[in-house]
Amino acid sequence: IYNEKPDVREYSKELLERLYTDMRKERFFDQSVIRMVSEGKIAGFYHPGSGQEAIAAGVCANLTDEDYLLYMHREIGRASCRE
C-alpha cells in the first residue's frame, strides 16, 4: 500500500492550493530567519527546515482544534499551521 503513488486528481484544487501556499509560507519564513541570523539580528543558532515543508503542510492540513503541536529544533515553521 505504501508503494502506491496517490492520484493527484483525488484531491480538490482548493486543498492542493492550500498545501502549496503553506509550503511557500514556511520556506519564506525559514529563509527570513536564516537571513536574520546571518545578519546578526537574531542571536544563537538556527536549524533550518528547508526541504521539509511538504511534511508540515500535510500534517497541518489534517489537524483539528483538539490536536496539539509540539515544536522541536527544526519545526519552527510549523507555527504557520495555526493562523
PDB file of N, CA and C in Angstrom:
ATOM      1  N   ILE A   1       0.827  -1.196   0.000  1.00  0.00           N
ATOM      2  CA  ILE A   1       0.000   0.000   0.000  1.00  0.00           C
ATOM      3  C   ILE A   1       0.875   1.265   0.000  1.00  0.00           C
ATOM      4  N   TYR A   2       2.033   1.252   0.654  1.00  0.00           N
ATOM      5  CA  TYR A   2       2.880   2.434   0.721  1.00  0.00           C
ATOM      6  C   TYR A   2       3.651   2.676  -0.570  1.00  0.00           C
ATOM      7  N   ASN A   3       3.712   1.684  -1.443  1.00  0.00           N
ATOM      8  CA  ASN A   3       4.424   1.851  -2.703  1.00  0.00           C
ATOM      9  C   ASN A   3       3.569   2.503  -3.770  1.00  0.00           C
ATOM     10  N   GLU A   4       2.286   2.652  -3.511  1.00  0.00           N
ATOM     11  CA  GLU A   4       1.401   3.255  -4.489  1.00  0.00           C
ATOM     12  C   GLU A   4       1.467   4.769  -4.401  1.00  0.00           C
ATOM     13  N   LYS A   5       1.551   5.418  -5.562  1.00  0.00           N
ATOM     14  CA  LYS A   5       1.548   6.880  -5.594  1.00  0.00           C
ATOM     15  C   LYS A   5       0.099   7.353  -5.628  1.00  0.00           C
ATOM     16  N   PRO A   6      -0.231   8.369  -4.825  1.00  0.00           N
ATOM     17  CA  PRO A   6      -1.612   8.871  -4.840  1.00  0.00           C
ATOM     18  C   PRO A   6      -1.909   9.564  -6.161  1.00  0.00           C
ATOM     19  N   ASP A   7      -3.121   9.454  -6.592  1.00  0.00           N
ATOM     20  CA  ASP A   7      -3.569  10.137  -7.805  1.00  0.00           C
ATOM     21  C   ASP A   7      -3.954  11.556  -7.413  1.00  0.00           C
ATOM     22  N   VAL A   8      -3.228  12.536  -7.910  1.00  0.00           N
ATOM     23  CA  VAL A   8      -3.443  13.927  -7.528  1.00  0.00           C
ATOM     24  C   VAL A   8      -4.869  14.368  -7.848  1.00  0.00           C
ATOM     25  N   ARG A   9      -5.478  13.747  -8.809  1.00  0.00           N
ATOM     26  CA  ARG A   9      -6.849  14.122  -9.183  1.00  0.00           C
ATOM     27  C   ARG A   9      -7.847  13.807  -8.073  1.00  0.00           C
ATOM     28  N   GLU A  10      -7.429  13.017  -7.080  1.00  0.00           N
ATOM     29  CA  GLU A  10      -8.312  12.683  -5.968  1.00  0.00           C
ATOM     30  C   GLU A  10      -8.460  13.843  -4.982  1.00  0.00           C
ATOM     31  N   TYR A  11      -7.611  14.849  -5.096  1.00  0.00           N
ATOM     32  CA  TYR A  11      -7.620  15.973  -4.167  1.00  0.00           C
ATOM     33  C   TYR A  11      -8.220  17.202  -4.837  1.00  0.00           C
ATOM     34  N   SER A  12      -8.924  18.003  -4.062  1.00  0.00           N
ATOM     35  CA  SER A  12      -9.542  19.196  -4.630  1.00  0.00           C
ATOM     36  C   SER A  12      -8.475  20.233  -4.966  1.00  0.00           C
ATOM     37  N   LYS A  13      -8.801  21.074  -5.906  1.00  0.00           N
ATOM     38  CA  LYS A  13      -7.896  22.152  -6.291  1.00  0.00           C
ATOM     39  C   LYS A  13      -7.632  23.066  -5.097  1.00  0.00           C
ATOM     40  N   GLU A  14      -8.656  23.296  -4.282  1.00  0.00           N
ATOM     41  CA  GLU A  14      -8.514  24.162  -3.109  1.00  0.00           C
ATOM     42  C   GLU A  14      -7.504  23.590  -2.111  1.00  0.00           C
ATOM     43  N   LEU A  15      -7.584  22.274  -1.880  1.00  0.00           N
ATOM     44  CA  LEU A  15      -6.648  21.640  -0.952  1.00  0.00           C
ATOM     45  C   LEU A  15      -5.228  21.724  -1.488  1.00  0.00           C
ATOM     46  N   LEU A  16      -5.043  21.424  -2.758  1.00  0.00           N
ATOM     47  CA  LEU A  16      -3.702  21.470  -3.340  1.00  0.00           C
ATOM     48  C   LEU A  16      -3.132  22.882  -3.292  1.00  0.00           C
ATOM     49  N   GLU A  17      -3.961  23.884  -3.539  1.00  0.00           N
ATOM     50  CA  GLU A  17      -3.505  25.271  -3.452  1.00  0.00           C
ATOM     51  C   GLU A  17      -3.135  25.637  -2.021  1.00  0.00           C
ATOM     52  N   ARG A  18      -3.924  25.162  -1.065  1.00  0.00           N
ATOM     53  CA  ARG A  18      -3.628  25.434   0.349  1.00  0.00           C
ATOM     54  C   ARG A  18      -2.309  24.794   0.758  1.00  0.00           C
ATOM     55  N   LEU A  19      -2.091  23.557   0.355  1.00  0.00           N
ATOM     56  CA  LEU A  19      -0.842  22.874   0.688  1.00  0.00           C
ATOM     57  C   LEU A  19       0.351  23.608   0.088  1.00  0.00           C
ATOM     58  N   TYR A  20       0.217  24.017  -1.163  1.00  0.00           N
ATOM     59  CA  TYR A  20       1.303  24.733  -1.834  1.00  0.00           C
ATOM     60  C   TYR A  20       1.571  26.070  -1.139  1.00  0.00           C
ATOM     61  N   THR A  21       0.504  26.790  -0.797  1.00  0.00           N
ATOM     62  CA  THR A  21       0.650  28.072  -0.107  1.00  0.00           C
ATOM     63  C   THR A  21       1.329  27.885   1.242  1.00  0.00           C
ATOM     64  N   ASP A  22       0.926  26.861   1.975  1.00  0.00           N
ATOM     65  CA  ASP A  22       1.544  26.588   3.277  1.00  0.00           C
ATOM     66  C   ASP A  22       3.029  26.262   3.128  1.00  0.00           C
ATOM     67  N   MET A  23       3.383  25.492   2.101  1.00  0.00           N
ATOM     68  CA  MET A  23       4.785  25.159   1.877  1.00  0.00           C
ATOM     69  C   MET A  23       5.590  26.403   1.529  1.00  0.00           C
ATOM     70  N   ARG A  24       5.037  27.260   0.696  1.00  0.00           N
ATOM     71  CA  ARG A  24       5.731  28.507   0.324  1.00  0.00           C
ATOM     72  C   ARG A  24       5.905  29.417   1.534  1.00  0.00           C
ATOM     73  N   LYS A  25       4.869  29.500   2.364  1.00  0.00           N
ATOM     74  CA  LYS A  25       4.918  30.337   3.558  1.00  0.00           C
ATOM     75  C   LYS A  25       6.019  29.859   4.505  1.00  0.00           C
ATOM     76  N   GLU A  26       6.092  28.564   4.696  1.00  0.00           N
ATOM     77  CA  GLU A  26       7.106  28.018   5.590  1.00  0.00           C
ATOM     78  C   GLU A  26       8.509  28.237   5.028  1.00  0.00           C
ATOM     79  N   ARG A  27       8.687  28.042   3.728  1.00  0.00           N
ATOM     80  CA  ARG A  27      10.009  28.267   3.119  1.00  0.00           C
ATOM     81  C   ARG A  27      10.424  29.732   3.252  1.00  0.00           C
ATOM     82  N   PHE A  28       9.491  30.656   3.002  1.00  0.00           N
ATOM     83  CA  PHE A  28       9.786  32.085   3.116  1.00  0.00           C
ATOM     84  C   PHE A  28      10.193  32.434   4.548  1.00  0.00           C
ATOM     85  N   PHE A  29       9.456  31.906   5.516  1.00  0.00           N
ATOM     86  CA  PHE A  29       9.776  32.159   6.919  1.00  0.00           C
ATOM     87  C   PHE A  29      11.167  31.625   7.251  1.00  0.00           C
ATOM     88  N   ASP A  30      11.449  30.415   6.820  1.00  0.00           N
ATOM     89  CA  ASP A  30      12.733  29.779   7.088  1.00  0.00           C
ATOM     90  C   ASP A  30      13.870  30.614   6.494  1.00  0.00           C
ATOM     91  N   GLN A  31      13.718  31.043   5.247  1.00  0.00           N
ATOM     92  CA  GLN A  31      14.744  31.850   4.603  1.00  0.00           C
ATOM     93  C   GLN A  31      14.922  33.197   5.305  1.00  0.00           C
ATOM     94  N   SER A  32      13.827  33.759   5.791  1.00  0.00           N
ATOM     95  CA  SER A  32      13.902  35.036   6.509  1.00  0.00           C
ATOM     96  C   SER A  32      14.691  34.896   7.804  1.00  0.00           C
ATOM     97  N   VAL A  33      14.443  33.818   8.541  1.00  0.00           N
ATOM     98  CA  VAL A  33      15.168  33.594   9.793  1.00  0.00           C
ATOM     99  C   VAL A  33      16.643  33.339   9.505  1.00  0.00           C
ATOM    100  N   ILE A  34      16.939  32.562   8.485  1.00  0.00           N
ATOM    101  CA  ILE A  34      18.334  32.301   8.120  1.00  0.00           C
ATOM    102  C   ILE A  34      19.049  33.621   7.827  1.00  0.00           C
ATOM    103  N   ARG A  35      18.401  34.491   7.073  1.00  0.00           N
ATOM    104  CA  ARG A  35      18.986  35.788   6.735  1.00  0.00           C
ATOM    105  C   ARG A  35      19.216  36.633   7.990  1.00  0.00           C
ATOM    106  N   MET A  36      18.219  36.680   8.876  1.00  0.00           N
ATOM    107  CA  MET A  36      18.338  37.494  10.083  1.00  0.00           C
ATOM    108  C   MET A  36      19.435  36.975  11.015  1.00  0.00           C
ATOM    109  N   VAL A  37      19.597  35.665  11.102  1.00  0.00           N
ATOM    110  CA  VAL A  37      20.677  35.092  11.910  1.00  0.00           C
ATOM    111  C   VAL A  37      22.024  35.487  11.303  1.00  0.00           C
ATOM    112  N   SER A  38      22.157  35.371   9.987  1.00  0.00           N
ATOM    113  CA  SER A  38      23.435  35.701   9.345  1.00  0.00           C
ATOM    114  C   SER A  38      23.760  37.185   9.444  1.00  0.00           C
ATOM    115  N   GLU A  39      22.738  38.039   9.552  1.00  0.00           N
ATOM    116  CA  GLU A  39      22.946  39.476   9.704  1.00  0.00           C
ATOM    117  C   GLU A  39      23.135  39.878  11.166  1.00  0.00           C
ATOM    118  N   GLY A  40      23.027  38.929  12.083  1.00  0.00           N
ATOM    119  CA  GLY A  40      23.207  39.215  13.494  1.00  0.00           C
ATOM    120  C   GLY A  40      21.975  39.824  14.156  1.00  0.00           C
ATOM    121  N   LYS A  41      20.847  39.790  13.484  1.00  0.00           N
ATOM    122  CA  LYS A  41      19.614  40.352  14.044  1.00  0.00           C
ATOM    123  C   LYS A  41      18.951  39.394  15.039  1.00  0.00           C
ATOM    124  N   ILE A  42      19.305  38.112  14.931  1.00  0.00           N
ATOM    125  CA  ILE A  42      18.823  37.094  15.863  1.00  0.00           C
ATOM    126  C   ILE A  42      20.057  36.378  16.386  1.00  0.00           C
ATOM    127  N   ALA A  43      20.191  36.322  17.695  1.00  0.00           N
ATOM    128  CA  ALA A  43      21.350  35.669  18.302  1.00  0.00           C
ATOM    129  C   ALA A  43      21.108  34.164  18.410  1.00  0.00           C
ATOM    130  N   GLY A  44      22.184  33.425  18.378  1.00  0.00           N
ATOM    131  CA  GLY A  44      22.076  31.988  18.567  1.00  0.00           C
ATOM    132  C   GLY A  44      22.215  31.228  17.274  1.00  0.00           C
ATOM    133  N   PHE A  45      21.768  29.994  17.301  1.00  0.00           N
ATOM    134  CA  PHE A  45      21.888  29.101  16.148  1.00  0.00           C
ATOM    135  C   PHE A  45      20.502  28.692  15.697  1.00  0.00           C
ATOM    136  N   TYR A  46      20.316  28.574  14.410  1.00  0.00           N
ATOM    137  CA  TYR A  46      19.021  28.188  13.849  1.00  0.00           C
ATOM    138  C   TYR A  46      19.179  26.929  13.013  1.00  0.00           C
ATOM    139  N   HIS A  47      18.323  25.960  13.230  1.00  0.00           N
ATOM    140  CA  HIS A  47      18.314  24.726  12.444  1.00  0.00           C
ATOM    141  C   HIS A  47      17.293  24.882  11.327  1.00  0.00           C
ATOM    142  N   PRO A  48      17.719  25.150  10.098  1.00  0.00           N
ATOM    143  CA  PRO A  48      16.770  25.339   9.007  1.00  0.00           C
ATOM    144  C   PRO A  48      15.953  24.077   8.738  1.00  0.00           C
ATOM    145  N   GLY A  49      14.753  24.293   8.274  1.00  0.00           N
ATOM    146  CA  GLY A  49      13.887  23.176   7.932  1.00  0.00           C
ATOM    147  C   GLY A  49      13.622  23.087   6.439  1.00  0.00           C
ATOM    148  N   SER A  50      14.445  23.766   5.646  1.00  0.00           N
ATOM    149  CA  SER A  50      14.263  23.763   4.186  1.00  0.00           C
ATOM    150  C   SER A  50      14.256  22.342   3.650  1.00  0.00           C
ATOM    151  N   GLY A  51      13.292  22.078   2.803  1.00  0.00           N
ATOM    152  CA  GLY A  51      13.144  20.751   2.228  1.00  0.00           C
ATOM    153  C   GLY A  51      12.144  19.879   2.969  1.00  0.00           C
ATOM    154  N   GLN A  52      11.660  20.344   4.111  1.00  0.00           N
ATOM    155  CA  GLN A  52      10.718  19.576   4.917  1.00  0.00           C
ATOM    156  C   GLN A  52       9.317  20.195   4.916  1.00  0.00           C
ATOM    157  N   GLU A  53       9.089  21.160   4.032  1.00  0.00           N
ATOM    158  CA  GLU A  53       7.828  21.894   4.028  1.00  0.00           C
ATOM    159  C   GLU A  53       6.618  21.013   3.728  1.00  0.00           C
ATOM    160  N   ALA A  54       6.769  20.038   2.869  1.00  0.00           N
ATOM    161  CA  ALA A  54       5.632  19.183   2.499  1.00  0.00           C
ATOM    162  C   ALA A  54       5.132  18.378   3.696  1.00  0.00           C
ATOM    163  N   ILE A  55       6.042  17.964   4.547  1.00  0.00           N
ATOM    164  CA  ILE A  55       5.654  17.207   5.734  1.00  0.00           C
ATOM    165  C   ILE A  55       4.768  18.067   6.626  1.00  0.00           C
ATOM    166  N   ALA A  56       5.222  19.290   6.879  1.00  0.00           N
ATOM    167  CA  ALA A  56       4.454  20.201   7.734  1.00  0.00           C
ATOM    168  C   ALA A  56       3.101  20.519   7.121  1.00  0.00           C
ATOM    169  N   ALA A  57       3.077  20.816   5.829  1.00  0.00           N
ATOM    170  CA  ALA A  57       1.814  21.174   5.172  1.00  0.00           C
ATOM    171  C   ALA A  57       0.818  20.027   5.243  1.00  0.00           C
ATOM    172  N   GLY A  58       1.284  18.810   5.006  1.00  0.00           N
ATOM    173  CA  GLY A  58       0.402  17.653   5.058  1.00  0.00           C
ATOM    174  C   GLY A  58      -0.130  17.377   6.448  1.00  0.00           C
ATOM    175  N   VAL A  59       0.740  17.477   7.435  1.00  0.00           N
ATOM    176  CA  VAL A  59       0.311  17.249   8.814  1.00  0.00           C
ATOM    177  C   VAL A  59      -0.667  18.332   9.245  1.00  0.00           C
ATOM    178  N   CYS A  60      -0.303  19.579   8.987  1.00  0.00           N
ATOM    179  CA  CYS A  60      -1.136  20.697   9.428  1.00  0.00           C
ATOM    180  C   CYS A  60      -2.507  20.698   8.765  1.00  0.00           C
ATOM    181  N   ALA A  61      -2.580  20.212   7.547  1.00  0.00           N
ATOM    182  CA  ALA A  61      -3.862  20.159   6.843  1.00  0.00           C
ATOM    183  C   ALA A  61      -4.843  19.207   7.512  1.00  0.00           C
ATOM    184  N   ASN A  62      -4.321  18.307   8.316  1.00  0.00           N
ATOM    185  CA  ASN A  62      -5.176  17.305   8.957  1.00  0.00           C
ATOM    186  C   ASN A  62      -5.414  17.547  10.440  1.00  0.00           C
ATOM    187  N   LEU A  63      -4.908  18.659  10.968  1.00  0.00           N
ATOM    188  CA  LEU A  63      -5.101  18.960  12.387  1.00  0.00           C
ATOM    189  C   LEU A  63      -6.522  19.441  12.664  1.00  0.00           C
ATOM    190  N   THR A  64      -6.971  19.140  13.856  1.00  0.00           N
ATOM    191  CA  THR A  64      -8.267  19.649  14.307  1.00  0.00           C
ATOM    192  C   THR A  64      -8.025  20.554  15.508  1.00  0.00           C
ATOM    193  N   ASP A  65      -9.065  21.202  15.995  1.00  0.00           N
ATOM    194  CA  ASP A  65      -8.928  22.079  17.158  1.00  0.00           C
ATOM    195  C   ASP A  65      -8.539  21.305  18.419  1.00  0.00           C
ATOM    196  N   GLU A  66      -8.737  20.010  18.432  1.00  0.00           N
ATOM    197  CA  GLU A  66      -8.393  19.193  19.597  1.00  0.00           C
ATOM    198  C   GLU A  66      -6.938  18.731  19.583  1.00  0.00           C
ATOM    199  N   ASP A  67      -6.227  18.950  18.487  1.00  0.00           N
ATOM    200  CA  ASP A  67      -4.847  18.495  18.362  1.00  0.00           C
ATOM    201  C   ASP A  67      -3.873  19.498  18.964  1.00  0.00           C
ATOM    202  N   TYR A  68      -2.738  18.993  19.390  1.00  0.00           N
ATOM    203  CA  TYR A  68      -1.671  19.821  19.939  1.00  0.00           C
ATOM    204  C   TYR A  68      -0.456  19.719  19.036  1.00  0.00           C
ATOM    205  N   LEU A  69       0.336  20.785  19.023  1.00  0.00           N
ATOM    206  CA  LEU A  69       1.599  20.782  18.287  1.00  0.00           C
ATOM    207  C   LEU A  69       2.746  20.865  19.282  1.00  0.00           C
ATOM    208  N   LEU A  70       3.775  20.073  19.058  1.00  0.00           N
ATOM    209  CA  LEU A  70       4.976  20.115  19.870  1.00  0.00           C
ATOM    210  C   LEU A  70       6.124  20.449  18.922  1.00  0.00           C
ATOM    211  N   TYR A  71       6.777  21.558  19.170  1.00  0.00           N
ATOM    212  CA  TYR A  71       7.847  22.002  18.287  1.00  0.00           C
ATOM    213  C   TYR A  71       9.195  21.516  18.784  1.00  0.00           C
ATOM    214  N   MET A  72       9.988  21.049  17.852  1.00  0.00           N
ATOM    215  CA  MET A  72      11.347  20.622  18.162  1.00  0.00           C
ATOM    216  C   MET A  72      12.301  21.604  17.481  1.00  0.00           C
ATOM    217  N   HIS A  73      13.548  21.222  17.303  1.00  0.00           N
ATOM    218  CA  HIS A  73      14.552  22.161  16.811  1.00  0.00           C
ATOM    219  C   HIS A  73      14.395  22.547  15.337  1.00  0.00           C
ATOM    220  N   ARG A  74      13.751  21.777  14.504  1.00  0.00           N
ATOM    221  CA  ARG A  74      13.611  22.129  13.088  1.00  0.00           C
ATOM    222  C   ARG A  74      12.182  22.480  12.687  1.00  0.00           C
ATOM    223  N   GLU A  75      11.295  22.582  13.593  1.00  0.00           N
ATOM    224  CA  GLU A  75       9.902  22.732  13.227  1.00  0.00           C
ATOM    225  C   GLU A  75       9.318  24.098  13.508  1.00  0.00           C
ATOM    226  N   ILE A  76      10.125  25.129  13.545  1.00  0.00           N
ATOM    227  CA  ILE A  76       9.599  26.451  13.856  1.00  0.00           C
ATOM    228  C   ILE A  76       8.597  26.909  12.797  1.00  0.00           C
ATOM    229  N   GLY A  77       8.779  26.486  11.568  1.00  0.00           N
ATOM    230  CA  GLY A  77       7.857  26.864  10.500  1.00  0.00           C
ATOM    231  C   GLY A  77       6.461  26.299  10.677  1.00  0.00           C
ATOM    232  N   ARG A  78       6.326  25.295  11.500  1.00  0.00           N
ATOM    233  CA  ARG A  78       5.013  24.692  11.730  1.00  0.00           C
ATOM    234  C   ARG A  78       4.086  25.661  12.451  1.00  0.00           C
ATOM    235  N   ALA A  79       4.640  26.736  12.972  1.00  0.00           N
ATOM    236  CA  ALA A  79       3.804  27.727  13.647  1.00  0.00           C
ATOM    237  C   ALA A  79       2.750  28.297  12.697  1.00  0.00           C
ATOM    238  N   SER A  80       3.018  28.215  11.402  1.00  0.00           N
ATOM    239  CA  SER A  80       2.046  28.716  10.432  1.00  0.00           C
ATOM    240  C   SER A  80       0.817  27.812  10.332  1.00  0.00           C
ATOM    241  N   CYS A  81       0.859  26.658  10.992  1.00  0.00           N
ATOM    242  CA  CYS A  81      -0.311  25.762  10.983  1.00  0.00           C
ATOM    243  C   CYS A  81      -1.508  26.412  11.632  1.00  0.00           C
ATOM    244  N   ARG A  82      -1.265  27.170  12.637  1.00  0.00           N
ATOM    245  CA  ARG A  82      -2.349  27.770  13.418  1.00  0.00           C
ATOM    246  C   ARG A  82      -2.382  29.263  13.149  1.00  0.00           C
ATOM    247  N   GLU A  83      -3.228  29.664  12.237  1.00  0.00           N
ATOM    248  CA  GLU A  83      -3.312  31.090  11.901  1.00  0.00           C
ATOM    249  C   GLU A  83      -4.415  31.751  12.663  1.00  0.00           C
TER     250      GLU A  83
END
